[in-house]
Amino acid sequence: MTRRIFLVVGIVVIAALQYRYWFGHSGHFAEQALTVEVDEAERQNDRLEQRNRVLAAEVRALKTGLEAVEARARSDLGMIGEGETFYLVVDEPPPAPAR
Protein backbone atom coordinates (compact mmCIF):
# COMPACT_ATOMS: atom_id res chain seq x y z
CA MET A 1 0.00 0.00 0.00
CA THR A 2 2.84 2.40 0.82
CA ARG A 3 4.44 1.64 -2.51
CA ARG A 4 1.28 2.63 -4.34
CA ILE A 5 1.10 5.94 -2.50
CA PHE A 6 4.73 6.71 -3.35
CA LEU A 7 4.14 5.65 -6.95
CA VAL A 8 1.04 7.85 -7.29
CA VAL A 9 2.78 10.81 -5.61
CA GLY A 10 5.81 10.31 -7.85
CA ILE A 11 3.65 10.23 -10.98
CA VAL A 12 1.78 13.36 -9.89
CA VAL A 13 5.06 15.19 -9.19
CA ILE A 14 6.52 14.15 -12.55
CA ALA A 15 3.31 15.18 -14.35
CA ALA A 16 3.35 18.58 -12.60
CA LEU A 17 6.98 19.14 -13.50
CA GLN A 18 6.34 18.14 -17.12
CA TYR A 19 3.39 20.51 -17.27
CA ARG A 20 5.51 23.37 -15.95
CA TYR A 21 8.29 22.52 -18.41
CA TRP A 22 6.05 22.53 -21.47
CA PHE A 23 3.31 25.01 -20.61
CA GLY A 24 4.59 27.13 -17.70
CA HIS A 25 5.35 30.85 -17.76
CA SER A 26 8.99 30.17 -18.58
CA GLY A 27 8.41 26.80 -20.23
CA HIS A 28 9.41 25.39 -23.57
CA PHE A 29 6.70 27.06 -25.67
CA ALA A 30 7.19 30.42 -23.97
CA GLU A 31 10.91 30.19 -24.68
CA GLN A 32 10.24 29.46 -28.36
CA ALA A 33 7.90 32.45 -28.64
CA LEU A 34 10.50 34.66 -26.96
CA THR A 35 13.17 33.44 -29.38
CA VAL A 36 10.96 34.42 -32.32
CA GLU A 37 10.40 37.88 -30.80
CA VAL A 38 14.14 38.35 -30.24
CA ASP A 39 14.91 37.36 -33.84
CA GLU A 40 12.33 39.83 -35.16
CA ALA A 41 13.71 42.59 -32.92
CA GLU A 42 17.23 41.89 -34.21
CA ARG A 43 16.03 42.10 -37.82
CA GLN A 44 14.26 45.38 -37.09
CA ASN A 45 17.38 46.74 -35.37
CA ASP A 46 19.45 45.83 -38.44
CA ARG A 47 17.01 47.70 -40.70
CA LEU A 48 17.06 50.73 -38.42
CA GLU A 49 20.86 50.71 -38.20
CA GLN A 50 21.07 50.66 -42.01
CA ARG A 51 18.60 53.56 -42.22
CA ASN A 52 20.60 55.49 -39.61
CA ARG A 53 23.80 54.97 -41.62
CA VAL A 54 22.10 56.34 -44.73
CA LEU A 55 20.72 59.33 -42.84
CA ALA A 56 24.11 60.03 -41.22
CA ALA A 57 25.76 59.99 -44.64
CA GLU A 58 23.12 62.40 -45.95
CA VAL A 59 23.65 64.74 -42.98
CA ARG A 60 27.41 64.71 -43.59
CA ALA A 61 26.83 65.51 -47.27
CA LEU A 62 24.48 68.36 -46.40
CA LYS A 63 26.96 69.82 -43.91
CA THR A 64 30.00 69.67 -46.21
CA GLY A 65 28.86 70.77 -49.64
CA LEU A 66 26.33 72.90 -51.43
CA GLU A 67 25.76 70.30 -54.13
CA ALA A 68 23.76 68.09 -51.77
CA VAL A 69 21.73 71.07 -50.53
CA GLU A 70 20.99 72.14 -54.11
CA ALA A 71 20.02 68.61 -55.16
CA ARG A 72 17.70 68.33 -52.16
CA ALA A 73 16.12 71.71 -52.94
CA ARG A 74 15.60 70.73 -56.58
CA SER A 75 13.97 67.41 -55.79
CA ASP A 76 11.92 68.37 -52.73
CA LEU A 77 11.13 72.02 -53.30
CA GLY A 78 11.22 72.30 -57.10
CA MET A 79 14.08 74.81 -57.13
CA ILE A 80 14.97 76.33 -60.49
CA GLY A 81 18.40 77.88 -60.80
CA GLU A 82 19.13 81.29 -62.27
CA GLY A 83 19.37 81.11 -66.05
CA GLU A 84 17.53 77.78 -66.22
CA THR A 85 14.28 77.22 -68.08
CA PHE A 86 11.54 75.12 -66.53
CA TYR A 87 9.40 72.92 -68.78
CA LEU A 88 6.31 71.11 -67.52
CA VAL A 89 5.21 68.21 -69.69
CA VAL A 90 1.60 67.21 -69.12
CA ASP A 91 0.25 63.94 -70.43
CA GLU A 92 -3.11 63.95 -72.14
CA PRO A 93 -5.85 62.55 -69.90
CA PRO A 94 -7.04 59.08 -70.91
CA PRO A 95 -10.20 59.03 -73.04
CA ALA A 96 -13.45 58.67 -71.14
CA PRO A 97 -15.00 55.19 -71.36
CA ALA A 98 -17.84 54.82 -73.85
CA ARG A 99 -21.31 54.47 -72.34
C-alpha atoms as a PDB file:
ATOM      1  CA  MET A   1       0.000   0.000   0.000  1.00  0.00           C
ATOM      2  CA  THR A   2       2.843   2.398   0.825  1.00  0.00           C
ATOM      3  CA  ARG A   3       4.445   1.644  -2.509  1.00  0.00           C
ATOM      4  CA  ARG A   4       1.275   2.631  -4.341  1.00  0.00           C
ATOM      5  CA  ILE A   5       1.103   5.939  -2.499  1.00  0.00           C
ATOM      6  CA  PHE A   6       4.732   6.713  -3.351  1.00  0.00           C
ATOM      7  CA  LEU A   7       4.141   5.647  -6.947  1.00  0.00           C
ATOM      8  CA  VAL A   8       1.045   7.851  -7.288  1.00  0.00           C
ATOM      9  CA  VAL A   9       2.781  10.805  -5.605  1.00  0.00           C
ATOM     10  CA  GLY A  10       5.810  10.311  -7.849  1.00  0.00           C
ATOM     11  CA  ILE A  11       3.648  10.230 -10.983  1.00  0.00           C
ATOM     12  CA  VAL A  12       1.778  13.365  -9.891  1.00  0.00           C
ATOM     13  CA  VAL A  13       5.057  15.187  -9.195  1.00  0.00           C
ATOM     14  CA  ILE A  14       6.517  14.145 -12.554  1.00  0.00           C
ATOM     15  CA  ALA A  15       3.313  15.184 -14.349  1.00  0.00           C
ATOM     16  CA  ALA A  16       3.345  18.577 -12.596  1.00  0.00           C
ATOM     17  CA  LEU A  17       6.982  19.136 -13.504  1.00  0.00           C
ATOM     18  CA  GLN A  18       6.336  18.141 -17.121  1.00  0.00           C
ATOM     19  CA  TYR A  19       3.387  20.515 -17.273  1.00  0.00           C
ATOM     20  CA  ARG A  20       5.514  23.371 -15.947  1.00  0.00           C
ATOM     21  CA  TYR A  21       8.289  22.515 -18.405  1.00  0.00           C
ATOM     22  CA  TRP A  22       6.054  22.526 -21.466  1.00  0.00           C
ATOM     23  CA  PHE A  23       3.311  25.014 -20.610  1.00  0.00           C
ATOM     24  CA  GLY A  24       4.593  27.127 -17.703  1.00  0.00           C
ATOM     25  CA  HIS A  25       5.349  30.852 -17.759  1.00  0.00           C
ATOM     26  CA  SER A  26       8.994  30.169 -18.585  1.00  0.00           C
ATOM     27  CA  GLY A  27       8.408  26.801 -20.226  1.00  0.00           C
ATOM     28  CA  HIS A  28       9.413  25.390 -23.574  1.00  0.00           C
ATOM     29  CA  PHE A  29       6.697  27.058 -25.672  1.00  0.00           C
ATOM     30  CA  ALA A  30       7.186  30.425 -23.969  1.00  0.00           C
ATOM     31  CA  GLU A  31      10.910  30.185 -24.681  1.00  0.00           C
ATOM     32  CA  GLN A  32      10.244  29.462 -28.365  1.00  0.00           C
ATOM     33  CA  ALA A  33       7.901  32.454 -28.635  1.00  0.00           C
ATOM     34  CA  LEU A  34      10.497  34.659 -26.957  1.00  0.00           C
ATOM     35  CA  THR A  35      13.166  33.437 -29.381  1.00  0.00           C
ATOM     36  CA  VAL A  36      10.957  34.421 -32.323  1.00  0.00           C
ATOM     37  CA  GLU A  37      10.398  37.879 -30.799  1.00  0.00           C
ATOM     38  CA  VAL A  38      14.136  38.351 -30.236  1.00  0.00           C
ATOM     39  CA  ASP A  39      14.909  37.364 -33.841  1.00  0.00           C
ATOM     40  CA  GLU A  40      12.333  39.826 -35.161  1.00  0.00           C
ATOM     41  CA  ALA A  41      13.706  42.589 -32.924  1.00  0.00           C
ATOM     42  CA  GLU A  42      17.233  41.892 -34.207  1.00  0.00           C
ATOM     43  CA  ARG A  43      16.033  42.104 -37.823  1.00  0.00           C
ATOM     44  CA  GLN A  44      14.262  45.385 -37.090  1.00  0.00           C
ATOM     45  CA  ASN A  45      17.381  46.741 -35.375  1.00  0.00           C
ATOM     46  CA  ASP A  46      19.449  45.829 -38.440  1.00  0.00           C
ATOM     47  CA  ARG A  47      17.011  47.704 -40.704  1.00  0.00           C
ATOM     48  CA  LEU A  48      17.061  50.732 -38.418  1.00  0.00           C
ATOM     49  CA  GLU A  49      20.860  50.712 -38.203  1.00  0.00           C
ATOM     50  CA  GLN A  50      21.065  50.664 -42.005  1.00  0.00           C
ATOM     51  CA  ARG A  51      18.596  53.560 -42.217  1.00  0.00           C
ATOM     52  CA  ASN A  52      20.603  55.490 -39.608  1.00  0.00           C
ATOM     53  CA  ARG A  53      23.804  54.974 -41.618  1.00  0.00           C
ATOM     54  CA  VAL A  54      22.098  56.344 -44.733  1.00  0.00           C
ATOM     55  CA  LEU A  55      20.720  59.328 -42.835  1.00  0.00           C
ATOM     56  CA  ALA A  56      24.109  60.025 -41.217  1.00  0.00           C
ATOM     57  CA  ALA A  57      25.759  59.994 -44.643  1.00  0.00           C
ATOM     58  CA  GLU A  58      23.115  62.398 -45.947  1.00  0.00           C
ATOM     59  CA  VAL A  59      23.652  64.735 -42.984  1.00  0.00           C
ATOM     60  CA  ARG A  60      27.413  64.713 -43.593  1.00  0.00           C
ATOM     61  CA  ALA A  61      26.833  65.513 -47.271  1.00  0.00           C
ATOM     62  CA  LEU A  62      24.480  68.360 -46.404  1.00  0.00           C
ATOM     63  CA  LYS A  63      26.958  69.820 -43.909  1.00  0.00           C
ATOM     64  CA  THR A  64      29.998  69.673 -46.208  1.00  0.00           C
ATOM     65  CA  GLY A  65      28.858  70.766 -49.639  1.00  0.00           C
ATOM     66  CA  LEU A  66      26.334  72.904 -51.429  1.00  0.00           C
ATOM     67  CA  GLU A  67      25.758  70.295 -54.130  1.00  0.00           C
ATOM     68  CA  ALA A  68      23.757  68.095 -51.769  1.00  0.00           C
ATOM     69  CA  VAL A  69      21.726  71.067 -50.534  1.00  0.00           C
ATOM     70  CA  GLU A  70      20.992  72.143 -54.106  1.00  0.00           C
ATOM     71  CA  ALA A  71      20.020  68.612 -55.165  1.00  0.00           C
ATOM     72  CA  ARG A  72      17.698  68.332 -52.157  1.00  0.00           C
ATOM     73  CA  ALA A  73      16.121  71.711 -52.945  1.00  0.00           C
ATOM     74  CA  ARG A  74      15.597  70.733 -56.585  1.00  0.00           C
ATOM     75  CA  SER A  75      13.968  67.411 -55.791  1.00  0.00           C
ATOM     76  CA  ASP A  76      11.922  68.370 -52.732  1.00  0.00           C
ATOM     77  CA  LEU A  77      11.132  72.023 -53.303  1.00  0.00           C
ATOM     78  CA  GLY A  78      11.221  72.302 -57.100  1.00  0.00           C
ATOM     79  CA  MET A  79      14.082  74.808 -57.132  1.00  0.00           C
ATOM     80  CA  ILE A  80      14.968  76.333 -60.493  1.00  0.00           C
ATOM     81  CA  GLY A  81      18.395  77.879 -60.801  1.00  0.00           C
ATOM     82  CA  GLU A  82      19.134  81.288 -62.267  1.00  0.00           C
ATOM     83  CA  GLY A  83      19.375  81.111 -66.053  1.00  0.00           C
ATOM     84  CA  GLU A  84      17.532  77.782 -66.225  1.00  0.00           C
ATOM     85  CA  THR A  85      14.284  77.217 -68.079  1.00  0.00           C
ATOM     86  CA  PHE A  86      11.544  75.116 -66.534  1.00  0.00           C
ATOM     87  CA  TYR A  87       9.398  72.921 -68.780  1.00  0.00           C
ATOM     88  CA  LEU A  88       6.314  71.109 -67.519  1.00  0.00           C
ATOM     89  CA  VAL A  89       5.209  68.206 -69.686  1.00  0.00           C
ATOM     90  CA  VAL A  90       1.600  67.213 -69.122  1.00  0.00           C
ATOM     91  CA  ASP A  91       0.252  63.936 -70.425  1.00  0.00           C
ATOM     92  CA  GLU A  92      -3.111  63.947 -72.137  1.00  0.00           C
ATOM     93  CA  PRO A  93      -5.850  62.550 -69.901  1.00  0.00           C
ATOM     94  CA  PRO A  94      -7.044  59.078 -70.911  1.00  0.00           C
ATOM     95  CA  PRO A  95     -10.195  59.031 -73.036  1.00  0.00           C
ATOM     96  CA  ALA A  96     -13.451  58.668 -71.139  1.00  0.00           C
ATOM     97  CA  PRO A  97     -15.004  55.190 -71.359  1.00  0.00           C
ATOM     98  CA  ALA A  98     -17.838  54.824 -73.852  1.00  0.00           C
ATOM     99  CA  ARG A  99     -21.306  54.472 -72.340  1.00  0.00           C
END
